[in-house]
Amino acid sequence: MIYPRTSVKSLCGLFGKTKQAYYKQIASSQDKAMEEVLILEMITKIRKRTKTTRWGCRKLLGLLTEELAGTSIRIGRDSLFDLLRENQMLVKPRKRRYFTTQSHHWLRKYDNLIENLVLKRPNQLWVADITYVKINAQVYYLYLITDAYSQKIVGYHISMNLKACSAVSALRMALKDHPEVQPNGLIHHSDRGIQYCSEQYTDILKKHDIYISMTKPASPHENAIAERVNGILKEEWLYDLQLTDGEIPNNKIRQIIDIYNQLRPHNSLGNKTPNEIHGRVFLRHKDERVIGKTYCYKKKADQNSQPDQSNYAIVPNDYSSVSCSPAELTSPSPWRCKYESGQPIVKSEL
């Protein structure tokens, strides 16, 4: 059967539209499709340049905005989420399978010195932790030391063991690369793992007049900044890391650390990189931030009977607070910091 031909003008008239509006809509759809192709290509280049496919929408949006500056192309957060979802480019979370902390030992432990500590500058607080790297069915352990103010990784070492000498290698790198650290001006904070409690490790800290601080047992939230950096490296790089036959991971780990320090913007740093904050001493926040100062959950019925515990990361009944963020904006309150740069800390040790 042959149907009579109907003009575009007649069809548009049936829907109350003009022919010009019809062709304008087609042109607009074509322009939008071209813009989406361009954005996807830019995302691919960013992920190739940073050697990771694990940067999600929020991280990419800031980088895209910079690269699209000067053009007429604009895209918002929700539109970018939809675009990545339609093209199967969203990042899927993964689960942890290995544990690196052995805190049940006879070695001396130290108190937590950083609760409610006000961060004002780089090299005021270093946090240390260990994470695993599974490459080609082989498990390696990555020892990291991070500056809490700038979130820059200042020292690292990769090893196939969990010995104290591996942790010492990361510490020696940090001290060698940052000779500006002042005596009695730095706190080293870690969990109670046997590596960090060993005399081999603590003697180096004492030799350089660095204060030693440790979390309470089974309290990973007290080392939240280090845990966060571990998660970033694993989710964005380490899970996808592959080596050729006979290749050792040292070079690729160094490249990943350099990319993290030099290229990766942080929302908590005002979308600046750790090197920008650490090296040029930019202010990371409009207000000071306080380590471990979080809000805690309390039942309405107990509000009049329980004291204010908004300054604690763990409430007396051992339930963690709603937020385990490493730092919250400070608010006017009568508390005083336990530590001031250049002043000795008078605190008992376990």
Foldseek 3Di string as FASTA:
>chain_A
DDDDDDDPQVVQVVVPHGPVVVVVVVVVVVVVVVLLVVLVVVLVVVCVVLVWLLDAQVQVQVVVVVVCPPHPDDDDSVRSVVSCVVVVSGADDDDDDDDQFDQPDDFFFWAAQAQQNWDDAWQQEKEWDKDWFQEPNQIKIKIFIATPQLRATQFIFIGSDNALVRNVRRVVSNCVSCVVRAAQRYEYEYANGPSCRDCVNVVVCVVSNYHYHYDDPPCCLLRVSNVVVNSCCVSTHRVPDYDDPPDDCPVVVVSNSCCQQQPRFDVQQVRHHSCCCHVVVDRSDPAIKTFQQAAADDDPVCPVPDDDDSSHQADPVRDGGPDSDRIDGDDDDDDDRQDDGPDDGDDDTD
